[in-house]
Amino acid sequence: MHLTPFLKRVALAKLLGFILGALGYFIFSSTATLSGIFLLGMAGWFVTLGALVGILGFYQTMPFLGIPIPVWLRG
């Protein structure tokens, strides 16, 4: 299977989001009295946020406006 640069970026961002979500799950489960469902939701949120950063960081201009997006904002 050949991964395009776009798919590689999304996969890397999702992997980093998963790692941060798992790390947050273990840190917060040992220090706070939060429910397990909340912690799993937080881990899922990090994976989703990683995917959004990977997808949105691919664009170099705003699709409808044509304005270039600065590198520091793209992610």
Protein backbone atom coordinates (compact mmCIF):
# COMPACT_ATOMS: atom_id res chain seq x y z
CA MET A 1 0.00 0.00 0.00
CA HIS A 2 1.39 3.36 -1.04
CA LEU A 3 0.75 6.22 1.37
CA THR A 4 0.56 9.70 -0.05
CA PRO A 5 2.19 12.56 1.91
CA PHE A 6 -1.29 13.63 3.02
CA LEU A 7 -2.07 10.20 4.50
CA LYS A 8 1.36 10.01 6.13
CA ARG A 9 0.77 13.34 7.83
CA VAL A 10 -2.68 12.33 9.07
CA ALA A 11 -1.39 8.95 10.28
CA LEU A 12 1.49 10.58 12.16
CA ALA A 13 -0.82 13.14 13.75
CA LYS A 14 -3.28 10.41 14.80
CA LEU A 15 -0.44 8.34 16.26
CA LEU A 16 0.85 11.31 18.26
CA GLY A 17 -2.71 12.07 19.38
CA PHE A 18 -3.12 8.46 20.50
CA ILE A 19 0.13 8.58 22.45
CA LEU A 20 -0.88 11.84 24.16
CA GLY A 21 -4.35 10.46 24.86
CA ALA A 22 -2.93 7.29 26.40
CA LEU A 23 -0.46 9.31 28.44
CA GLY A 24 -3.21 11.62 29.66
CA TYR A 25 -5.40 8.63 30.49
CA PHE A 26 -2.75 7.08 32.73
CA ILE A 27 -1.74 10.37 34.35
CA PHE A 28 -5.28 11.51 35.12
CA SER A 29 -6.50 8.07 36.20
CA SER A 30 -3.87 7.94 38.92
CA THR A 31 -4.20 11.52 40.17
CA ALA A 32 -7.87 12.47 39.77
CA THR A 33 -11.17 10.89 40.66
CA LEU A 34 -12.64 11.04 37.16
CA SER A 35 -14.87 8.40 35.61
CA GLY A 36 -13.42 5.90 33.18
CA ILE A 37 -15.79 7.00 30.43
CA PHE A 38 -14.56 10.59 30.75
CA LEU A 39 -10.94 9.43 30.51
CA LEU A 40 -11.67 7.32 27.42
CA GLY A 41 -13.49 10.27 25.88
CA MET A 42 -10.49 12.47 26.58
CA ALA A 43 -8.19 9.94 24.90
CA GLY A 44 -10.54 9.83 21.90
CA TRP A 45 -10.55 13.62 21.76
CA PHE A 46 -6.75 13.71 21.50
CA VAL A 47 -6.84 11.24 18.59
CA THR A 48 -9.53 13.32 16.85
CA LEU A 49 -7.60 16.53 17.45
CA GLY A 50 -4.47 14.90 16.02
CA ALA A 51 -6.38 13.94 12.88
CA LEU A 52 -7.72 17.49 12.50
CA VAL A 53 -4.23 18.96 12.85
CA GLY A 54 -2.94 16.48 10.27
CA ILE A 55 -5.71 17.29 7.80
CA LEU A 56 -5.85 21.05 8.28
CA GLY A 57 -2.06 21.40 8.32
CA PHE A 58 -1.96 20.09 4.76
CA TYR A 59 -3.60 23.19 3.30
CA GLN A 60 -1.32 26.11 2.50
CA THR A 61 -4.09 28.53 1.54
CA MET A 62 -7.61 28.99 2.80
CA PRO A 63 -9.79 27.10 0.31
CA PHE A 64 -12.51 29.72 -0.16
CA LEU A 65 -10.57 32.93 0.40
CA GLY A 66 -7.24 32.13 -1.26
CA ILE A 67 -5.33 33.76 1.61
CA PRO A 68 -2.05 32.02 2.47
CA ILE A 69 -1.98 30.43 5.93
CA PRO A 70 1.21 31.13 7.95
CA VAL A 71 3.37 28.15 8.86
CA TRP A 72 2.93 28.73 12.61
CA LEU A 73 -0.85 28.48 12.21
CA ARG A 74 -0.90 25.38 9.98
CA GLY A 75 0.51 23.04 12.60
